[in-house]
Protein backbone atom coordinates (compact mmCIF):
# COMPACT_ATOMS: atom_id res chain seq x y z
CA MET A 1 -131.23 -31.94 -38.75
CA VAL A 2 -128.38 -34.42 -39.28
CA GLN A 3 -126.60 -35.33 -36.04
CA ALA A 4 -123.19 -33.88 -35.11
CA ASN A 5 -121.50 -37.15 -36.06
CA GLY A 6 -122.86 -36.82 -39.62
CA ARG A 7 -125.34 -39.68 -39.35
CA ASP A 8 -129.06 -39.30 -40.10
CA PRO A 9 -131.11 -40.42 -37.07
CA CYS A 10 -133.64 -41.97 -39.42
CA GLU A 11 -131.01 -44.01 -41.23
CA VAL A 12 -129.84 -47.49 -40.14
CA ASN A 13 -127.06 -49.34 -42.02
CA ASN A 14 -127.61 -46.99 -44.95
CA MET A 15 -131.33 -47.83 -45.11
CA VAL A 16 -134.40 -45.80 -44.39
CA ARG A 17 -137.75 -47.50 -43.73
CA LEU A 18 -140.94 -45.57 -44.42
CA ALA A 19 -144.24 -47.39 -43.89
CA THR A 20 -143.53 -50.81 -45.39
CA LEU A 21 -140.90 -49.52 -47.86
CA ASP A 22 -137.14 -49.92 -47.43
CA PHE A 23 -134.96 -47.38 -49.17
CA ALA A 24 -131.19 -47.96 -49.80
CA LYS A 25 -128.85 -45.03 -49.73
CA VAL A 26 -127.30 -43.94 -53.03
CA SER A 27 -124.10 -41.86 -52.62
CA PRO A 28 -123.81 -38.57 -54.46
CA GLY A 29 -121.96 -38.77 -57.80
CA ILE A 30 -121.50 -37.69 -61.36
CA ILE A 31 -122.61 -40.02 -64.07
CA VAL A 32 -122.33 -39.69 -67.85
CA LEU A 33 -125.54 -40.46 -69.77
CA GLY A 34 -125.90 -40.98 -73.46
CA SER A 35 -123.27 -41.69 -76.13
CA ASN A 36 -120.54 -39.62 -77.68
CA LYS A 37 -120.31 -41.75 -80.81
CA GLY A 38 -120.72 -39.60 -83.93
CA GLY A 39 -122.54 -41.98 -86.26
CA TRP A 40 -126.08 -41.07 -87.22
CA MET A 41 -127.39 -44.32 -85.70
CA TYR A 42 -126.49 -42.95 -82.30
CA SER A 43 -128.18 -39.60 -82.71
CA SER A 44 -131.00 -40.61 -80.31
CA GLN A 45 -128.36 -41.11 -77.62
CA ARG A 46 -126.69 -37.75 -78.03
CA PRO A 47 -125.33 -35.52 -76.69
CA ALA A 48 -123.51 -37.38 -73.97
CA TYR A 49 -123.73 -35.27 -70.79
CA GLU A 50 -122.80 -35.32 -67.16
CA ALA A 51 -125.54 -35.49 -64.48
CA CYS A 52 -124.52 -34.51 -61.02
CA LEU A 53 -126.71 -36.02 -58.27
CA PRO A 54 -126.91 -35.55 -54.46
CA THR A 55 -127.48 -38.22 -51.91
CA TYR A 56 -130.84 -39.97 -52.21
CA TYR A 57 -132.44 -43.29 -51.44
CA THR A 58 -134.04 -45.91 -53.66
CA MET A 59 -136.13 -49.07 -53.24
CA ASN A 60 -133.99 -52.10 -53.97
CA THR A 61 -136.82 -54.09 -55.51
CA TYR A 62 -140.03 -53.31 -57.40
CA LEU A 63 -143.23 -52.47 -55.45
CA ASN A 64 -145.11 -55.64 -54.59
CA HIS A 65 -148.73 -56.34 -53.80
CA GLU A 66 -148.17 -56.78 -50.03
CA GLN A 67 -146.57 -53.26 -49.79
CA ILE A 68 -149.34 -51.61 -51.81
CA ALA A 69 -152.08 -53.25 -49.81
CA SER A 70 -150.45 -52.23 -46.49
CA ILE A 71 -150.03 -48.62 -47.61
CA LEU A 72 -153.58 -48.26 -48.99
CA GLY A 73 -155.23 -50.43 -46.32
CA LEU A 74 -156.44 -53.02 -48.77
CA PRO A 75 -156.53 -56.83 -48.59
CA VAL A 76 -153.54 -58.67 -50.01
CA PRO A 77 -154.40 -60.56 -53.22
CA SER A 78 -154.22 -64.33 -52.64
CA GLY A 79 -150.95 -65.76 -53.71
CA LYS A 80 -149.56 -62.46 -54.92
CA ALA A 81 -148.11 -60.92 -51.79
CA LYS A 82 -144.46 -60.83 -52.89
CA LEU A 83 -145.09 -60.50 -56.60
CA PRO A 84 -144.27 -57.19 -58.22
CA VAL A 85 -147.26 -54.93 -59.07
CA ASP A 86 -147.95 -54.28 -62.75
CA ASP A 87 -151.51 -53.10 -62.60
CA LEU A 88 -151.02 -49.48 -61.44
CA THR A 89 -150.92 -46.37 -63.61
CA GLU A 90 -148.73 -43.44 -63.08
CA LYS A 91 -151.61 -41.60 -61.34
CA ASP A 92 -152.14 -44.58 -59.06
CA LEU A 93 -148.44 -44.59 -58.17
CA GLU A 94 -148.57 -40.85 -57.34
CA GLU A 95 -151.37 -41.64 -54.92
CA VAL A 96 -149.39 -44.31 -53.29
CA ALA A 97 -146.40 -42.14 -52.96
CA GLN A 98 -148.60 -39.44 -51.51
CA SER A 99 -149.88 -41.83 -48.88
CA VAL A 100 -146.36 -42.76 -47.82
CA MET A 101 -145.40 -39.04 -47.58
CA GLU A 102 -148.30 -38.58 -45.06
CA CYS A 103 -146.93 -41.20 -42.70
CA ASN A 104 -145.12 -40.17 -39.48
CA GLU A 105 -141.85 -41.84 -40.53
CA PHE A 106 -141.57 -39.54 -43.57
CA LYS A 107 -142.28 -36.50 -41.57
CA GLU A 108 -139.55 -37.41 -39.07
CA PHE A 109 -137.16 -38.06 -41.82
CA CYS A 110 -137.82 -34.63 -43.42
CA GLU A 111 -137.37 -32.91 -40.14
CA ALA A 112 -133.86 -34.42 -39.91
CA GLN A 113 -132.91 -33.01 -43.35
CA ASP A 114 -131.89 -29.53 -44.45
CA GLY A 115 -134.24 -29.25 -47.42
CA GLU A 116 -137.49 -30.67 -48.78
CA TRP A 117 -137.74 -34.21 -49.88
CA GLU A 118 -140.32 -36.22 -51.87
CA ILE A 119 -141.15 -39.80 -52.83
CA ARG A 120 -141.60 -40.44 -56.58
CA LEU A 121 -140.59 -42.67 -59.46
CA PRO A 122 -136.84 -42.36 -60.35
CA SER A 123 -135.54 -40.11 -63.07
CA GLU A 124 -133.20 -41.61 -65.72
CA ALA A 125 -130.09 -40.20 -64.04
CA GLU A 126 -131.23 -41.50 -60.60
CA TRP A 127 -131.91 -44.98 -62.08
CA TYR A 128 -128.48 -45.19 -63.69
CA LEU A 129 -126.58 -43.98 -60.66
CA ALA A 130 -128.40 -46.51 -58.46
CA GLN A 131 -127.75 -49.27 -60.99
CA GLN A 132 -124.06 -48.28 -61.06
CA GLN A 133 -123.86 -48.51 -57.35
CA ASN A 134 -125.70 -51.83 -57.19
CA ALA A 135 -128.50 -50.28 -55.13
CA ILE A 136 -131.27 -51.69 -57.24
CA GLU A 137 -132.28 -55.24 -58.23
CA LEU A 138 -133.36 -55.83 -61.86
CA GLN A 139 -135.69 -58.48 -63.24
CA ALA A 140 -134.87 -60.04 -66.61
CA GLY A 141 -137.56 -58.93 -69.08
CA GLY A 142 -138.92 -56.40 -66.71
CA ASN A 143 -139.92 -52.84 -67.63
CA GLU A 144 -139.75 -50.07 -65.03
CA ARG A 145 -141.55 -46.78 -65.09
CA LEU A 146 -139.50 -43.57 -64.91
CA VAL A 147 -140.76 -40.17 -63.85
CA ASP A 148 -139.44 -38.46 -66.98
CA GLY A 149 -141.34 -37.48 -70.07
CA PRO A 150 -140.52 -39.18 -73.35
CA THR A 151 -137.94 -37.76 -75.67
CA SER A 152 -136.23 -38.64 -79.01
CA ASN A 153 -132.72 -37.60 -77.78
CA ASN A 154 -130.88 -35.99 -74.87
CA ARG A 155 -131.45 -32.35 -75.80
CA GLY A 156 -133.17 -30.54 -72.96
CA ALA A 157 -132.31 -33.24 -70.38
CA MET A 158 -131.98 -32.26 -66.68
CA MET A 159 -128.37 -32.35 -65.47
CA ASP A 160 -129.04 -32.78 -61.74
CA GLY A 161 -131.33 -35.78 -61.70
CA ARG A 162 -134.62 -33.90 -61.33
CA PRO A 163 -137.58 -35.10 -63.39
CA ARG A 164 -137.62 -34.16 -67.03
CA PRO A 165 -141.08 -32.69 -67.82
CA ASN A 166 -143.20 -33.95 -70.73
CA GLU A 167 -142.94 -31.05 -73.20
CA LEU A 168 -144.36 -32.89 -76.19
CA ILE A 169 -147.79 -32.51 -77.77
CA GLY A 170 -149.94 -35.06 -79.49
CA PRO A 171 -150.10 -38.77 -78.64
CA ALA A 172 -146.59 -38.50 -76.96
CA ALA A 173 -148.14 -36.14 -74.37
CA SER A 174 -149.69 -39.14 -72.67
CA GLN A 175 -146.48 -41.18 -72.60
CA SER A 176 -143.75 -41.42 -70.05
CA ALA A 177 -140.27 -42.97 -70.09
CA LEU A 178 -139.45 -46.45 -68.91
CA MET A 179 -136.31 -48.65 -68.64
CA ALA A 180 -136.60 -52.02 -70.37
CA VAL A 181 -134.34 -54.88 -69.19
CA HIS A 182 -133.08 -57.63 -71.61
CA PRO A 183 -135.06 -60.87 -71.20
CA ARG A 184 -131.91 -62.91 -70.48
CA ASN A 185 -129.12 -60.49 -69.55
CA THR A 186 -129.97 -57.96 -66.74
CA SER A 187 -126.83 -55.91 -67.53
CA VAL A 188 -128.37 -54.91 -70.82
CA PHE A 189 -131.18 -52.25 -70.84
CA LEU A 190 -132.54 -49.45 -72.91
CA LYS A 191 -134.93 -46.56 -72.53
CA GLY A 192 -138.36 -46.59 -74.07
CA THR A 193 -141.91 -45.20 -73.52
CA VAL A 194 -145.02 -46.42 -71.93
CA PRO A 195 -148.59 -45.04 -71.64
CA ALA A 196 -148.67 -42.95 -68.43
CA GLN A 197 -152.20 -43.70 -67.51
CA ARG A 198 -152.58 -47.34 -68.68
CA ALA A 199 -151.34 -50.38 -66.80
CA LEU A 200 -149.52 -52.93 -68.89
CA PRO A 201 -148.22 -56.45 -68.08
CA ASP A 202 -144.64 -56.59 -66.87
CA VAL A 203 -144.38 -52.82 -66.32
CA PHE A 204 -143.30 -52.35 -62.77
CA ALA A 205 -142.29 -49.46 -60.52
CA ARG A 206 -140.11 -48.55 -57.62
CA PHE A 207 -139.85 -45.34 -55.64
CA VAL A 208 -136.98 -43.11 -54.74
CA LEU A 209 -136.72 -40.86 -51.66
CA THR A 210 -135.02 -37.78 -53.05
CA PRO A 211 -134.40 -34.12 -52.26
CA ILE A 212 -136.48 -31.63 -54.16
CA ARG A 213 -134.19 -29.53 -56.46
CA SER A 214 -135.38 -25.94 -55.86
CA GLN A 215 -132.38 -24.20 -57.54
CA PRO A 216 -132.50 -23.13 -61.25
CA ALA A 217 -132.09 -26.18 -63.43
CA LYS A 218 -129.10 -26.96 -65.57
CA ARG A 219 -130.31 -28.47 -68.83
CA VAL A 220 -128.68 -29.88 -71.93
CA PRO A 221 -129.00 -27.15 -74.67
CA SER A 222 -132.09 -27.91 -76.67
CA SER A 223 -130.60 -27.40 -80.19
CA ALA A 224 -127.48 -28.55 -82.01
CA ASP A 225 -124.85 -26.36 -83.68
CA THR A 226 -126.13 -27.08 -87.16
CA TRP A 227 -123.35 -25.27 -89.08
CA ALA A 228 -120.62 -27.20 -87.11
CA ASN A 229 -122.34 -30.42 -87.95
CA VAL A 230 -122.66 -29.49 -91.67
CA ARG A 231 -118.90 -28.64 -91.88
CA SER A 232 -117.95 -31.92 -90.20
CA GLU A 233 -120.22 -33.90 -92.61
CA LEU A 234 -118.81 -32.13 -95.74
CA LEU A 235 -115.25 -32.90 -94.56
CA TRP A 236 -115.75 -36.57 -93.76
CA THR A 237 -117.99 -37.26 -96.81
CA THR A 238 -115.19 -35.80 -98.98
CA VAL A 239 -112.37 -37.65 -97.16
CA LEU A 240 -114.07 -41.02 -96.88
CA GLY A 241 -116.25 -41.05 -100.00
CA ILE A 242 -115.37 -38.62 -102.81
CA VAL A 243 -111.50 -38.64 -102.57
CA PRO A 244 -111.26 -42.48 -102.67
CA SER A 245 -113.81 -42.66 -105.43
CA PHE A 246 -111.45 -40.65 -107.73
CA ALA A 247 -108.15 -41.97 -106.22
CA ILE A 248 -108.87 -45.71 -106.91
CA PRO A 249 -109.30 -45.48 -110.70
CA ILE A 250 -106.35 -43.10 -110.98
CA ALA A 251 -104.12 -45.47 -108.96
CA ARG A 252 -105.22 -48.32 -111.36
CA GLY A 253 -104.21 -46.40 -114.41
CA MET A 254 -107.68 -45.33 -115.50
CA GLY A 255 -107.09 -41.59 -115.37
CA ALA A 256 -109.20 -41.03 -118.43
CA TYR A 257 -112.22 -42.57 -116.73
CA ALA A 258 -111.75 -40.35 -113.73
CA ILE A 259 -112.15 -37.40 -116.15
CA ASP A 260 -114.86 -38.74 -118.46
CA GLY A 261 -116.90 -40.45 -115.69
CA TRP A 262 -116.44 -37.75 -113.07
CA PHE A 263 -120.18 -37.46 -112.44
CA ASN A 264 -120.57 -41.21 -111.69
CA LEU A 265 -117.47 -41.17 -109.49
CA PHE A 266 -118.62 -38.03 -107.66
CA PHE A 267 -122.11 -39.40 -107.03
CA GLY A 268 -120.81 -42.78 -105.96
CA GLY A 269 -118.33 -41.19 -103.56
CA LEU A 270 -121.11 -39.02 -102.17
CA CYS A 271 -123.25 -42.14 -101.46
CA VAL A 272 -120.39 -44.03 -99.86
CA GLY A 273 -119.50 -40.91 -97.73
CA PHE A 274 -123.14 -40.67 -96.53
CA PHE A 275 -123.27 -44.37 -95.80
CA THR A 276 -120.12 -44.15 -93.62
CA GLY A 277 -121.85 -41.33 -91.65
CA ALA A 278 -124.48 -43.77 -90.37
CA ILE A 279 -121.76 -45.98 -88.86
CA TRP A 280 -118.91 -43.73 -87.99
CA ARG A 281 -118.07 -40.13 -87.38
CA PRO A 282 -115.50 -38.69 -84.82
CA LYS A 283 -116.67 -38.84 -81.21
CA ARG A 284 -118.58 -35.81 -79.96
CA PRO A 285 -117.42 -34.01 -76.76
CA ILE A 286 -119.18 -34.85 -73.50
CA LEU A 287 -121.13 -31.95 -72.18
CA ARG A 288 -119.75 -31.26 -68.72
CA TYR A 289 -121.92 -30.24 -65.79
CA ASP A 290 -119.71 -27.30 -64.86
CA SER A 291 -119.81 -25.95 -68.41
CA VAL A 292 -123.49 -25.26 -68.36
CA GLN A 293 -125.02 -22.27 -66.66
CA PRO A 294 -128.40 -22.59 -64.81
CA SER A 295 -131.04 -20.96 -66.99
CA LYS A 296 -134.69 -21.39 -67.97
CA ASP A 297 -133.57 -20.79 -71.60
CA THR A 298 -132.47 -23.95 -73.30
CA SER A 299 -131.92 -22.41 -76.73
CA ASP A 300 -128.10 -22.41 -76.51
CA ASN A 301 -126.46 -24.51 -79.21
CA VAL A 302 -124.25 -27.55 -78.69
CA SER A 303 -122.58 -29.66 -81.36
CA GLN A 304 -124.28 -33.07 -81.40
């Protein structure tokens, strides 16, 4: 259990050391993931939602060869001791994490906590909160494995930082999410996918020490409010495309053309209206953590 003064007996200077791995403390917080921009080009980043995370710990750097060799009892590759490891699959990393969870330090740490804990790859929400609190070090051009399954948008995302399961079928079923860092600017990154059971160059990993979420999950609703989106699209296509298409020739004194060439003007305005939809539409509301009820059913609708 945590001591009366609120300090964890296994924690020193906001750090926890398990085997050869150092984990930095990440304070609990609420972080907004995704984008609330309404343009079609941002559809893969919607809906924007809040993720509420508890206290957890993260490795500051990627796993390196020396750490892996020490945990698994293997010789350290010559000249690679401090280099990050990029030759492990997701299954290999699960075995490494399991080895760490069998050490005495991990058992002592868990005995000092109120609930169950685990060591695994970070979820997207855990990665972003750690990055926001400067608890992780990024390498330019590096790619980092996440525990989440791949997805084309934020529908169905977990809102408490727990792993998002892979619910896809076909080739995507063997993929997992990763975070890719810009080759020159470490403040720019994006989410992609990587084969879960194939090692690739410059695809690294780090672990988090995190509580197991046992309560019912809060998830972003899995479908959009289609009718609300249709109404919005009709309105803005009319306002930004069709109305100006007729107003411009009338304002220039070509009212007769507005009548005789109505089909051309209507079709042209429709095209312009649809084109503007790719770039701009009103911002969508952010899905708040407290507005979603824990449920196993993710069929509720949300305007995205």
